[in-house]
Amino acid sequence: MEGWARFGYHLCPMAQIREIKKRIVAVRTIRRITKTMQMIATAKFTASLSRAKASRPYMERIRQLVAEVAARAGDAAHPLCLPPAKAAKKELILVVTSDRGLCGAYNGHVLRTAMKAIKACREAGREPVIEVVGKKAVAFFKFQKIAIVQRHAFGDRPKFEQVETLADRLMNEYLAGQYDACRVVFMKFVSNSKQLSESLQLLPMSLPTAAKAEAKGSESLYEFTPAADQLLGELLPRTVKVSLFQAIIDAVVSENVMRMVAMKSATDNAAGLGRTLNRSYNRARQARITTELTEIVSGAAALE
């Protein structure tokens, strides 16, 4: 009886057995579904991870190269590294979430970081302008009554050409003085067991501190061909595009690995619940058999 009451069954023994049997079938079906989703997420994670690993060294190296050129170029500078001449009192925040759920705390962490970025923007006297990637961000900001200017969709395999178009638009609007800063909030992939929500400032570009310190400490003289400002004019826009592309790829990898872990946990939980239900079913069936035998023996004894 305790096993039945644990799952809320307070019916006659026969009805209890039927209900437990239905529950076992339902849990078994859920386990098959979560196992399939885990396998799909694993395949997507493997594919997206290989793309992220292939592009990360290029992104890190080009940022380091830009920092070295900027630090050794003397007075040469580029508008993408400088704040706008006239403050627009606006900051663009691009929030990257998923289109689907069942990926653990992925969207929760990203949206929490986005809200912190919005709060910091308002405290700095700027108006946040929100653009999003993914349906989950749309639903969240609608609930928070925060207006969304534009929504983007890149799918499970974002292409560089799509991200390049977005990056070009952001740079043109920044150079036109529409925003004081542009940042992207996403989930950064560190390892299979570690993903961190991050708010990355795209514009004005902040160069790696280590590379600048190394350049300042070096007494080597450099001759630039073409000129340093021309080099920065070529390298900086590409760095912004690659950084944004890497952020979106990292977000896809993090989503897939967190969904894979969530579905594995759900599969394990369903398996454990199935074992518990099987034990309850066996106890209920045995109790029914015992009751029937007792009734037969009692009836036979009464006839003697």
Protein backbone atom coordinates (compact mmCIF):
# COMPACT_ATOMS: atom_id res chain seq x y z
CA MET A 1 0.00 0.00 0.00
CA GLU A 2 2.90 2.39 0.73
CA GLY A 3 4.24 1.89 -2.79
CA TRP A 4 0.86 2.77 -4.30
CA ALA A 5 0.31 5.81 -2.03
CA ARG A 6 3.74 7.13 -3.03
CA PHE A 7 2.41 7.76 -6.55
CA GLY A 8 -1.04 8.89 -5.41
CA TYR A 9 -2.89 5.64 -6.11
CA HIS A 10 -5.76 5.07 -3.65
CA LEU A 11 -7.95 2.79 -5.78
CA CYS A 12 -8.85 -0.87 -5.53
CA PRO A 13 -5.91 -3.29 -6.11
CA MET A 14 -6.94 -4.11 -9.70
CA ALA A 15 -7.28 -0.42 -10.60
CA GLN A 16 -3.95 0.29 -8.90
CA ILE A 17 -2.22 -2.30 -11.06
CA ARG A 18 -3.72 -0.83 -14.25
CA GLU A 19 -2.68 2.71 -13.28
CA ILE A 20 0.87 1.65 -12.44
CA LYS A 21 1.08 -0.24 -15.74
CA LYS A 22 -0.01 2.87 -17.66
CA ARG A 23 2.57 4.93 -15.77
CA ILE A 24 5.31 2.42 -16.65
CA VAL A 25 4.41 2.63 -20.37
CA ALA A 26 4.39 6.44 -20.25
CA VAL A 27 7.77 6.63 -18.50
CA ARG A 28 9.23 4.14 -20.98
CA THR A 29 8.01 6.30 -23.88
CA ILE A 30 9.47 9.45 -22.31
CA ARG A 31 12.79 7.66 -21.82
CA ARG A 32 12.91 6.70 -25.51
CA ILE A 33 12.17 10.31 -26.53
CA THR A 34 14.80 11.84 -24.22
CA LYS A 35 17.36 9.25 -25.33
CA THR A 36 16.72 10.15 -28.98
CA MET A 37 16.99 13.88 -28.21
CA GLN A 38 20.25 13.22 -26.35
CA MET A 39 21.69 11.45 -29.41
CA ILE A 40 20.59 14.28 -31.73
CA ALA A 41 22.10 16.91 -29.39
CA THR A 42 25.33 14.89 -29.23
CA ALA A 43 25.61 14.80 -33.03
CA LYS A 44 24.91 18.55 -33.30
CA PHE A 45 27.36 19.30 -30.50
CA THR A 46 30.14 17.35 -32.21
CA ALA A 47 29.61 19.18 -35.49
CA SER A 48 29.37 22.65 -33.96
CA LEU A 49 32.36 22.03 -31.67
CA SER A 50 34.59 21.21 -34.64
CA ARG A 51 33.57 24.52 -36.29
CA ALA A 52 34.21 26.48 -33.09
CA LYS A 53 37.64 24.89 -32.60
CA ALA A 54 38.56 25.62 -36.21
CA SER A 55 37.68 29.34 -35.99
CA ARG A 56 38.87 30.17 -32.46
CA PRO A 57 42.68 30.27 -33.19
CA TYR A 58 42.06 32.65 -36.11
CA MET A 59 39.93 34.94 -33.94
CA GLU A 60 42.47 35.00 -31.11
CA ARG A 61 45.39 35.61 -33.46
CA ILE A 62 43.73 38.44 -35.39
CA ARG A 63 42.81 40.22 -32.13
CA GLN A 64 46.40 39.87 -30.94
CA LEU A 65 47.72 41.15 -34.28
CA VAL A 66 45.43 44.19 -34.15
CA ALA A 67 46.58 44.95 -30.60
CA GLU A 68 50.24 44.75 -31.64
CA VAL A 69 49.71 47.01 -34.67
CA ALA A 70 47.69 49.54 -32.66
CA ALA A 71 50.22 49.62 -29.79
CA ARG A 72 53.21 50.11 -32.12
CA ALA A 73 51.53 52.46 -34.57
CA GLY A 74 52.06 55.57 -32.47
CA ASP A 75 49.36 58.17 -33.06
CA ALA A 76 47.52 56.09 -35.64
CA ALA A 77 43.99 55.24 -34.52
CA HIS A 78 40.70 54.06 -35.99
CA PRO A 79 37.14 55.28 -35.30
CA LEU A 80 36.10 51.72 -34.33
CA CYS A 81 38.47 51.92 -31.35
CA LEU A 82 37.36 55.39 -30.29
CA PRO A 83 34.15 56.55 -28.60
CA PRO A 84 31.86 58.65 -30.85
CA ALA A 85 32.58 62.37 -31.00
CA LYS A 86 29.03 63.18 -29.88
CA ALA A 87 27.30 60.98 -27.32
CA ALA A 88 24.09 59.40 -28.63
CA LYS A 89 23.01 58.23 -25.16
CA LYS A 90 22.16 54.83 -26.65
CA GLU A 91 23.77 51.41 -26.44
CA LEU A 92 22.94 48.44 -28.64
CA ILE A 93 22.76 45.07 -26.86
CA LEU A 94 22.53 41.90 -28.97
CA VAL A 95 21.24 38.96 -26.88
CA VAL A 96 21.89 35.45 -28.24
CA THR A 97 19.52 32.72 -26.96
CA SER A 98 18.06 29.49 -28.36
CA ASP A 99 14.96 28.86 -30.45
CA ARG A 100 14.08 25.72 -28.49
CA GLY A 101 13.99 24.80 -24.82
CA LEU A 102 15.03 21.65 -22.95
CA CYS A 103 18.63 22.89 -22.67
CA GLY A 104 18.95 23.27 -18.91
CA ALA A 105 19.85 26.68 -17.54
CA TYR A 106 21.28 27.94 -20.86
CA ASN A 107 18.70 30.64 -21.57
CA GLY A 108 18.32 31.57 -17.91
CA HIS A 109 22.03 32.41 -17.53
CA VAL A 110 22.18 34.39 -20.78
CA LEU A 111 19.05 36.41 -20.00
CA ARG A 112 20.22 37.12 -16.46
CA THR A 113 23.48 38.52 -17.85
CA ALA A 114 21.50 40.53 -20.41
CA MET A 115 19.40 42.11 -17.67
CA LYS A 116 22.58 43.07 -15.80
CA ALA A 117 23.94 44.68 -18.99
CA ILE A 118 20.66 46.59 -19.47
CA LYS A 119 20.76 47.78 -15.85
CA ALA A 120 24.39 48.93 -16.21
CA CYS A 121 23.49 50.72 -19.45
CA ARG A 122 20.68 52.63 -17.77
CA GLU A 123 22.85 53.50 -14.79
CA ALA A 124 25.39 54.99 -17.22
CA GLY A 125 22.67 57.28 -18.59
CA ARG A 126 22.19 55.39 -21.87
CA GLU A 127 19.06 53.98 -23.45
CA PRO A 128 19.41 50.24 -24.21
CA VAL A 129 18.47 49.22 -27.75
CA ILE A 130 17.73 45.47 -27.76
CA GLU A 131 18.24 43.10 -30.68
CA VAL A 132 17.89 39.35 -30.16
CA VAL A 133 18.78 35.99 -31.64
CA GLY A 134 16.37 33.17 -30.74
CA LYS A 135 12.70 32.82 -29.80
CA LYS A 136 13.37 32.45 -26.07
CA ALA A 137 14.71 36.00 -25.84
CA VAL A 138 11.63 37.31 -27.68
CA ALA A 139 9.29 35.68 -25.14
CA PHE A 140 11.39 36.84 -22.18
CA PHE A 141 11.62 40.51 -23.18
CA LYS A 142 7.92 40.54 -24.08
CA PHE A 143 7.18 39.35 -20.54
CA GLN A 144 9.55 42.01 -19.13
CA LYS A 145 7.82 44.65 -21.29
CA ILE A 146 11.15 45.59 -22.93
CA ALA A 147 10.91 46.55 -26.59
CA ILE A 148 12.90 44.57 -29.16
CA VAL A 149 14.12 46.52 -32.18
CA GLN A 150 15.02 43.55 -34.39
CA ARG A 151 15.18 39.76 -34.25
CA HIS A 152 17.76 37.65 -36.10
CA ALA A 153 17.77 33.93 -36.96
CA PHE A 154 20.97 32.03 -37.80
CA GLY A 155 19.87 28.41 -37.18
CA ASP A 156 22.02 25.55 -35.93
CA ARG A 157 24.75 26.19 -38.53
CA PRO A 158 25.31 29.97 -38.70
CA LYS A 159 27.11 31.13 -41.83
CA PHE A 160 29.81 33.78 -41.79
CA GLU A 161 28.06 35.70 -44.59
CA GLN A 162 24.94 36.12 -42.41
CA VAL A 163 26.94 37.36 -39.43
CA GLU A 164 29.09 39.58 -41.66
CA THR A 165 25.98 41.40 -42.89
CA LEU A 166 24.89 42.07 -39.30
CA ALA A 167 28.40 43.18 -38.26
CA ASP A 168 28.65 45.59 -41.23
CA ARG A 169 25.34 47.16 -40.25
CA LEU A 170 26.40 47.56 -36.61
CA MET A 171 29.71 49.17 -37.60
CA ASN A 172 28.01 51.57 -40.02
CA GLU A 173 25.47 52.62 -37.39
CA TYR A 174 28.21 53.04 -34.77
CA LEU A 175 30.35 55.16 -37.10
CA ALA A 176 27.25 57.23 -37.93
CA GLY A 177 26.96 58.07 -34.24
CA GLN A 178 23.71 56.18 -33.56
CA TYR A 179 25.19 54.31 -30.58
CA ASP A 180 27.80 54.99 -27.94
CA ALA A 181 28.62 51.27 -27.71
CA CYS A 182 27.59 47.88 -29.09
CA ARG A 183 27.83 44.64 -27.12
CA VAL A 184 26.76 41.02 -27.50
CA VAL A 185 25.51 38.84 -24.63
CA PHE A 186 26.03 35.12 -25.25
CA MET A 187 27.09 31.83 -23.67
CA LYS A 188 30.83 31.32 -24.09
CA PHE A 189 31.98 27.73 -24.51
CA VAL A 190 34.99 26.95 -22.31
CA SER A 191 34.86 23.14 -22.13
CA ASN A 192 32.33 20.30 -22.18
CA SER A 193 31.68 20.85 -18.48
CA LYS A 194 31.98 24.64 -18.34
CA GLN A 195 30.05 27.36 -20.18
CA LEU A 196 29.97 30.98 -19.04
CA SER A 197 27.47 33.70 -19.94
CA GLU A 198 29.43 36.73 -21.12
CA SER A 199 28.78 40.33 -22.13
CA LEU A 200 31.34 41.19 -24.83
CA GLN A 201 31.82 44.78 -25.97
CA LEU A 202 32.13 44.80 -29.74
CA LEU A 203 32.31 48.57 -30.27
CA PRO A 204 34.31 50.55 -29.48
CA MET A 205 36.80 47.72 -29.77
CA SER A 206 38.84 47.01 -26.65
CA LEU A 207 42.23 45.51 -27.49
CA PRO A 208 43.84 42.69 -25.45
CA THR A 209 45.73 44.22 -22.52
CA ALA A 210 48.51 41.63 -22.60
CA ALA A 211 49.39 42.36 -26.21
CA LYS A 212 49.41 46.14 -25.62
CA ALA A 213 51.64 45.78 -22.55
CA GLU A 214 54.02 43.54 -24.47
CA ALA A 215 54.20 46.03 -27.33
CA LYS A 216 54.85 48.97 -25.01
CA GLY A 217 57.59 47.07 -23.22
CA SER A 218 59.34 46.25 -26.48
CA GLU A 219 61.85 48.70 -27.94
CA SER A 220 61.68 47.21 -31.43
CA LEU A 221 60.97 49.60 -34.30
CA TYR A 222 58.44 48.65 -36.94
CA GLU A 223 57.94 49.89 -40.44
CA PHE A 224 54.39 49.47 -41.73
CA THR A 225 53.62 48.76 -45.37
CA PRO A 226 50.97 49.90 -46.04
CA ALA A 227 50.66 52.60 -43.37
CA ALA A 228 49.50 51.67 -39.85
CA ASP A 229 46.16 53.48 -40.16
CA GLN A 230 45.47 51.67 -43.44
CA LEU A 231 46.31 48.33 -41.83
CA LEU A 232 43.97 49.07 -38.93
CA GLY A 233 41.28 50.07 -41.42
CA GLU A 234 41.50 46.56 -42.92
CA LEU A 235 42.04 44.56 -39.74
CA LEU A 236 39.59 46.17 -37.30
CA PRO A 237 36.36 45.57 -39.28
CA ARG A 238 37.41 41.97 -39.88
CA THR A 239 38.15 41.56 -36.16
CA VAL A 240 34.64 42.78 -35.28
CA LYS A 241 33.09 40.36 -37.78
CA VAL A 242 35.14 37.40 -36.59
CA SER A 243 34.49 38.18 -32.91
CA LEU A 244 30.73 38.33 -33.50
CA PHE A 245 30.82 35.12 -35.56
CA GLN A 246 32.81 33.34 -32.83
CA ALA A 247 30.32 34.51 -30.18
CA ILE A 248 27.37 33.08 -32.13
CA ILE A 249 29.19 29.78 -32.80
CA ASP A 250 30.09 29.51 -29.10
CA ALA A 251 26.42 30.07 -28.26
CA VAL A 252 25.37 27.20 -30.58
CA VAL A 253 28.00 24.85 -29.09
CA SER A 254 26.96 25.75 -25.52
CA GLU A 255 23.28 25.23 -26.33
CA ASN A 256 23.91 21.77 -27.78
CA VAL A 257 26.17 20.58 -24.96
CA MET A 258 23.73 21.81 -22.30
CA ARG A 259 20.81 20.14 -24.09
CA MET A 260 22.84 16.93 -24.33
CA VAL A 261 23.51 17.00 -20.57
CA ALA A 262 19.88 17.87 -19.77
CA MET A 263 18.53 15.03 -21.92
CA LYS A 264 21.00 12.55 -20.41
CA SER A 265 19.84 13.57 -16.95
CA ALA A 266 16.19 13.21 -18.02
CA THR A 267 16.91 9.76 -19.50
CA ASP A 268 18.63 8.61 -16.30
CA ASN A 269 15.76 9.96 -14.17
CA ALA A 270 13.20 8.18 -16.35
CA ALA A 271 15.15 4.93 -16.03
CA GLY A 272 15.23 5.29 -12.23
CA LEU A 273 11.51 6.07 -12.07
CA GLY A 274 10.81 3.08 -14.31
CA ARG A 275 12.64 0.76 -11.91
CA THR A 276 10.68 2.17 -8.96
CA LEU A 277 7.37 1.74 -10.79
CA ASN A 278 8.27 -1.84 -11.74
CA ARG A 279 8.88 -2.65 -8.08
CA SER A 280 5.54 -1.05 -7.13
CA TYR A 281 3.81 -2.99 -9.90
CA ASN A 282 5.30 -6.29 -8.73
CA ARG A 283 4.30 -5.58 -5.12
CA ALA A 284 0.74 -4.69 -6.17
CA ARG A 285 0.44 -7.80 -8.31
CA GLN A 286 1.80 -10.00 -5.52
CA ALA A 287 -0.58 -8.40 -3.00
CA ARG A 288 -3.51 -9.12 -5.33
CA ILE A 289 -2.46 -12.75 -5.74
CA THR A 290 -2.06 -13.13 -1.99
CA THR A 291 -5.49 -11.61 -1.37
CA GLU A 292 -7.13 -13.97 -3.88
CA LEU A 293 -5.41 -17.01 -2.34
CA THR A 294 -6.51 -15.92 1.12
CA GLU A 295 -10.11 -15.56 -0.09
CA ILE A 296 -10.02 -19.04 -1.67
CA VAL A 297 -8.58 -20.66 1.44
CA SER A 298 -11.05 -18.84 3.67
CA GLY A 299 -13.98 -19.92 1.48
CA ALA A 300 -12.81 -23.55 1.47
CA ALA A 301 -12.42 -23.46 5.24
CA ALA A 302 -15.95 -22.09 5.66
CA LEU A 303 -17.42 -24.98 3.62
CA GLU A 304 -15.88 -27.66 5.86
